[in-house]
Amino acid sequence: MHRNCPCCGQAFEPEPGFYYGAMYVSFAFNVAIFIVSLFILSQFVEKITLAMMIGVVAVVVVGLLPVIFRWSRSLYIHIFVRYEGPCSEIPKKMHS
């Protein structure tokens, strides 16, 4: 991951531990995956067992881990840093 945005210079880690809050966003994504998995299983399987549910959710979450990781960090930083438009329309920020 870049330290700063190549376009505007915004630091991607404004302070140490900034992305700890992204764990809550990731948790929300995983809850959504659990609910969708439960719904899909209920459509195709007559009796859903705990082992079946754990297996399906584990496979889906592990498979989507790189995507969920990036989406949660991206969504979290977008909560605190406003999008300023295309690269050609914004001034460079000073960074340390």
N, C-alpha and C. Protein backbone atom coordinates (compact mmCIF):
# COMPACT_ATOMS: atom_id res chain seq x y z
N MET A 1 0.85 -1.17 0.00
CA MET A 1 0.00 0.00 0.00
C MET A 1 0.90 1.24 0.00
N HIS A 2 0.52 2.22 -0.78
CA HIS A 2 1.28 3.46 -0.81
C HIS A 2 1.16 4.18 0.53
N ARG A 3 2.18 4.93 0.91
CA ARG A 3 2.11 5.72 2.14
C ARG A 3 1.18 6.91 1.96
N ASN A 4 1.20 7.50 0.77
CA ASN A 4 0.40 8.68 0.47
C ASN A 4 -0.28 8.49 -0.88
N CYS A 5 -1.36 9.21 -1.09
CA CYS A 5 -2.05 9.20 -2.37
C CYS A 5 -1.14 9.81 -3.43
N PRO A 6 -0.91 9.12 -4.55
CA PRO A 6 -0.03 9.66 -5.58
C PRO A 6 -0.62 10.91 -6.24
N CYS A 7 -1.91 11.12 -6.09
CA CYS A 7 -2.57 12.26 -6.73
C CYS A 7 -2.51 13.51 -5.85
N CYS A 8 -3.02 13.40 -4.62
CA CYS A 8 -3.14 14.59 -3.77
C CYS A 8 -2.15 14.64 -2.61
N GLY A 9 -1.52 13.51 -2.30
CA GLY A 9 -0.56 13.48 -1.21
C GLY A 9 -1.16 13.15 0.14
N GLN A 10 -2.47 12.87 0.20
CA GLN A 10 -3.13 12.51 1.47
C GLN A 10 -2.48 11.27 2.07
N ALA A 11 -2.12 11.33 3.34
CA ALA A 11 -1.54 10.17 4.03
C ALA A 11 -2.62 9.11 4.18
N PHE A 12 -2.29 7.87 3.81
CA PHE A 12 -3.26 6.79 3.93
C PHE A 12 -3.33 6.24 5.35
N GLU A 13 -2.35 6.56 6.18
CA GLU A 13 -2.43 6.21 7.60
C GLU A 13 -2.18 7.49 8.38
N PRO A 14 -3.26 8.28 8.61
CA PRO A 14 -3.12 9.59 9.25
C PRO A 14 -2.50 9.55 10.64
N GLU A 15 -2.68 8.45 11.35
CA GLU A 15 -2.08 8.30 12.68
C GLU A 15 -1.88 6.82 12.96
N PRO A 16 -0.99 6.48 13.87
CA PRO A 16 -0.78 5.07 14.20
C PRO A 16 -2.06 4.44 14.73
N GLY A 17 -2.38 3.28 14.22
CA GLY A 17 -3.58 2.58 14.67
C GLY A 17 -4.87 3.10 14.07
N PHE A 18 -4.78 3.93 13.06
CA PHE A 18 -5.97 4.53 12.46
C PHE A 18 -6.98 3.49 12.00
N TYR A 19 -6.51 2.40 11.42
CA TYR A 19 -7.41 1.42 10.83
C TYR A 19 -7.97 0.39 11.81
N TYR A 20 -7.74 0.55 13.10
CA TYR A 20 -8.39 -0.35 14.05
C TYR A 20 -9.90 -0.26 13.93
N GLY A 21 -10.41 0.90 13.62
CA GLY A 21 -11.85 1.06 13.43
C GLY A 21 -12.38 0.33 12.22
N ALA A 22 -11.51 0.04 11.26
CA ALA A 22 -11.92 -0.69 10.06
C ALA A 22 -12.33 -2.12 10.41
N MET A 23 -11.92 -2.59 11.58
CA MET A 23 -12.34 -3.93 12.00
C MET A 23 -13.85 -3.99 12.18
N TYR A 24 -14.46 -2.89 12.61
CA TYR A 24 -15.91 -2.85 12.77
C TYR A 24 -16.60 -2.88 11.41
N VAL A 25 -16.02 -2.21 10.44
CA VAL A 25 -16.56 -2.24 9.08
C VAL A 25 -16.44 -3.66 8.52
N SER A 26 -15.29 -4.29 8.74
CA SER A 26 -15.08 -5.65 8.30
C SER A 26 -16.08 -6.60 8.98
N PHE A 27 -16.34 -6.37 10.25
CA PHE A 27 -17.32 -7.19 10.97
C PHE A 27 -18.70 -7.05 10.33
N ALA A 28 -19.07 -5.83 9.94
CA ALA A 28 -20.37 -5.63 9.29
C ALA A 28 -20.44 -6.37 7.96
N PHE A 29 -19.34 -6.34 7.18
CA PHE A 29 -19.31 -7.10 5.93
C PHE A 29 -19.47 -8.59 6.20
N ASN A 30 -18.80 -9.09 7.23
CA ASN A 30 -18.88 -10.52 7.54
C ASN A 30 -20.26 -10.92 8.04
N VAL A 31 -20.93 -10.05 8.78
CA VAL A 31 -22.31 -10.34 9.21
C VAL A 31 -23.21 -10.41 7.98
N ALA A 32 -23.01 -9.49 7.04
CA ALA A 32 -23.79 -9.51 5.80
C ALA A 32 -23.55 -10.80 5.03
N ILE A 33 -22.30 -11.25 4.98
CA ILE A 33 -21.97 -12.52 4.31
C ILE A 33 -22.68 -13.67 5.01
N PHE A 34 -22.70 -13.67 6.34
CA PHE A 34 -23.37 -14.72 7.09
C PHE A 34 -24.86 -14.75 6.75
N ILE A 35 -25.50 -13.60 6.71
CA ILE A 35 -26.93 -13.53 6.44
C ILE A 35 -27.24 -13.99 5.01
N VAL A 36 -26.44 -13.53 4.06
CA VAL A 36 -26.65 -13.95 2.67
C VAL A 36 -26.40 -15.46 2.53
N SER A 37 -25.37 -15.97 3.18
CA SER A 37 -25.09 -17.42 3.13
C SER A 37 -26.23 -18.22 3.73
N LEU A 38 -26.76 -17.74 4.84
CA LEU A 38 -27.89 -18.42 5.47
C LEU A 38 -29.10 -18.43 4.54
N PHE A 39 -29.38 -17.32 3.90
CA PHE A 39 -30.50 -17.24 2.97
C PHE A 39 -30.31 -18.19 1.79
N ILE A 40 -29.12 -18.18 1.19
CA ILE A 40 -28.87 -19.05 0.04
C ILE A 40 -28.95 -20.52 0.45
N LEU A 41 -28.37 -20.86 1.59
CA LEU A 41 -28.46 -22.24 2.07
C LEU A 41 -29.91 -22.66 2.31
N SER A 42 -30.70 -21.76 2.86
CA SER A 42 -32.10 -22.10 3.14
C SER A 42 -32.89 -22.34 1.87
N GLN A 43 -32.44 -21.77 0.75
CA GLN A 43 -33.11 -21.98 -0.53
C GLN A 43 -32.77 -23.33 -1.15
N PHE A 44 -31.59 -23.86 -0.85
CA PHE A 44 -31.13 -25.08 -1.50
C PHE A 44 -31.07 -26.32 -0.59
N VAL A 45 -31.09 -26.12 0.71
CA VAL A 45 -30.93 -27.23 1.64
C VAL A 45 -32.14 -27.27 2.56
N GLU A 46 -32.67 -28.48 2.77
CA GLU A 46 -33.86 -28.61 3.60
C GLU A 46 -33.56 -28.38 5.09
N LYS A 47 -32.48 -28.99 5.58
CA LYS A 47 -32.12 -28.83 6.98
C LYS A 47 -30.67 -28.32 7.07
N ILE A 48 -30.52 -27.13 7.63
CA ILE A 48 -29.21 -26.52 7.75
C ILE A 48 -28.61 -26.89 9.10
N THR A 49 -27.41 -27.47 9.07
CA THR A 49 -26.74 -27.82 10.33
C THR A 49 -25.71 -26.73 10.67
N LEU A 50 -25.30 -26.71 11.92
CA LEU A 50 -24.31 -25.75 12.36
C LEU A 50 -22.99 -25.96 11.61
N ALA A 51 -22.58 -27.21 11.46
CA ALA A 51 -21.34 -27.51 10.75
C ALA A 51 -21.40 -27.03 9.30
N MET A 52 -22.53 -27.20 8.66
CA MET A 52 -22.70 -26.75 7.28
C MET A 52 -22.57 -25.22 7.20
N MET A 53 -23.21 -24.54 8.13
CA MET A 53 -23.17 -23.08 8.13
C MET A 53 -21.76 -22.57 8.39
N ILE A 54 -21.08 -23.17 9.37
CA ILE A 54 -19.71 -22.77 9.68
C ILE A 54 -18.81 -23.01 8.48
N GLY A 55 -18.97 -24.15 7.82
CA GLY A 55 -18.15 -24.47 6.65
C GLY A 55 -18.35 -23.49 5.50
N VAL A 56 -19.61 -23.19 5.20
CA VAL A 56 -19.90 -22.27 4.10
C VAL A 56 -19.37 -20.87 4.41
N VAL A 57 -19.65 -20.38 5.60
CA VAL A 57 -19.20 -19.03 5.97
C VAL A 57 -17.67 -18.98 6.01
N ALA A 58 -17.02 -19.99 6.54
CA ALA A 58 -15.56 -20.00 6.61
C ALA A 58 -14.95 -19.97 5.21
N VAL A 59 -15.47 -20.78 4.31
CA VAL A 59 -14.94 -20.81 2.94
C VAL A 59 -15.15 -19.46 2.25
N VAL A 60 -16.35 -18.90 2.37
CA VAL A 60 -16.65 -17.63 1.70
C VAL A 60 -15.82 -16.49 2.30
N VAL A 61 -15.75 -16.42 3.63
CA VAL A 61 -15.00 -15.33 4.27
C VAL A 61 -13.51 -15.43 3.98
N VAL A 62 -12.95 -16.62 4.06
CA VAL A 62 -11.52 -16.78 3.75
C VAL A 62 -11.26 -16.46 2.29
N GLY A 63 -12.17 -16.87 1.40
CA GLY A 63 -12.01 -16.58 -0.02
C GLY A 63 -12.09 -15.09 -0.32
N LEU A 64 -12.93 -14.39 0.40
CA LEU A 64 -13.11 -12.95 0.17
C LEU A 64 -12.25 -12.08 1.08
N LEU A 65 -11.40 -12.67 1.88
CA LEU A 65 -10.60 -11.92 2.84
C LEU A 65 -9.82 -10.75 2.22
N PRO A 66 -9.11 -10.94 1.11
CA PRO A 66 -8.39 -9.79 0.53
C PRO A 66 -9.33 -8.66 0.10
N VAL A 67 -10.48 -9.02 -0.42
CA VAL A 67 -11.45 -8.02 -0.87
C VAL A 67 -12.06 -7.29 0.33
N ILE A 68 -12.48 -8.04 1.34
CA ILE A 68 -13.08 -7.44 2.53
C ILE A 68 -12.09 -6.53 3.24
N PHE A 69 -10.84 -6.96 3.32
CA PHE A 69 -9.79 -6.16 3.96
C PHE A 69 -9.67 -4.79 3.28
N ARG A 70 -9.58 -4.80 1.97
CA ARG A 70 -9.41 -3.54 1.23
C ARG A 70 -10.68 -2.68 1.28
N TRP A 71 -11.84 -3.29 1.12
CA TRP A 71 -13.09 -2.53 1.17
C TRP A 71 -13.30 -1.89 2.53
N SER A 72 -13.01 -2.62 3.60
CA SER A 72 -13.24 -2.06 4.93
C SER A 72 -12.29 -0.90 5.21
N ARG A 73 -11.03 -1.02 4.80
CA ARG A 73 -10.09 0.10 4.98
C ARG A 73 -10.49 1.29 4.13
N SER A 74 -10.90 1.03 2.90
CA SER A 74 -11.32 2.11 2.00
C SER A 74 -12.56 2.83 2.54
N LEU A 75 -13.55 2.07 2.96
CA LEU A 75 -14.76 2.68 3.50
C LEU A 75 -14.46 3.46 4.78
N TYR A 76 -13.59 2.92 5.62
CA TYR A 76 -13.26 3.59 6.88
C TYR A 76 -12.56 4.93 6.65
N ILE A 77 -11.61 4.98 5.73
CA ILE A 77 -10.92 6.25 5.49
C ILE A 77 -11.86 7.25 4.81
N HIS A 78 -12.82 6.75 4.03
CA HIS A 78 -13.78 7.65 3.38
C HIS A 78 -14.74 8.29 4.39
N ILE A 79 -14.87 7.70 5.55
CA ILE A 79 -15.69 8.30 6.60
C ILE A 79 -15.03 9.58 7.10
N PHE A 80 -13.70 9.60 7.14
CA PHE A 80 -12.97 10.71 7.74
C PHE A 80 -12.33 11.68 6.74
N VAL A 81 -12.07 11.22 5.53
CA VAL A 81 -11.39 12.05 4.52
C VAL A 81 -12.34 12.24 3.34
N ARG A 82 -12.66 13.49 3.07
CA ARG A 82 -13.62 13.81 2.01
C ARG A 82 -12.98 13.67 0.64
N TYR A 83 -13.74 13.09 -0.30
CA TYR A 83 -13.28 12.99 -1.69
C TYR A 83 -13.34 14.38 -2.31
N GLU A 84 -12.26 14.78 -2.95
CA GLU A 84 -12.16 16.15 -3.47
C GLU A 84 -12.27 16.24 -4.98
N GLY A 85 -12.47 15.14 -5.66
CA GLY A 85 -12.64 15.18 -7.10
C GLY A 85 -11.48 14.55 -7.84
N PRO A 86 -11.51 14.68 -9.17
CA PRO A 86 -10.44 14.10 -10.00
C PRO A 86 -9.08 14.70 -9.69
N CYS A 87 -8.06 13.95 -10.00
CA CYS A 87 -6.68 14.33 -9.69
C CYS A 87 -6.30 15.69 -10.28
N SER A 88 -6.81 15.99 -11.45
CA SER A 88 -6.42 17.24 -12.12
C SER A 88 -7.04 18.48 -11.49
N GLU A 89 -8.02 18.30 -10.60
CA GLU A 89 -8.74 19.44 -10.03
C GLU A 89 -8.40 19.75 -8.57
N ILE A 90 -7.49 19.00 -7.97
CA ILE A 90 -7.20 19.21 -6.55
C ILE A 90 -5.74 19.57 -6.32
N PRO A 91 -5.47 20.40 -5.32
CA PRO A 91 -4.08 20.73 -5.02
C PRO A 91 -3.39 19.61 -4.23
N LYS A 92 -2.09 19.52 -4.33
CA LYS A 92 -1.32 18.56 -3.55
C LYS A 92 -1.31 18.97 -2.09
N LYS A 93 -1.42 17.97 -1.20
CA LYS A 93 -1.33 18.23 0.24
C LYS A 93 0.12 18.06 0.65
N MET A 94 0.50 18.78 1.67
CA MET A 94 1.85 18.62 2.23
C MET A 94 1.80 17.43 3.18
N HIS A 95 2.78 16.59 3.15
CA HIS A 95 2.83 15.45 4.05
C HIS A 95 4.23 15.32 4.64
N SER A 96 4.27 14.62 5.76
CA SER A 96 5.56 14.44 6.41
C SER A 96 6.03 13.02 6.31
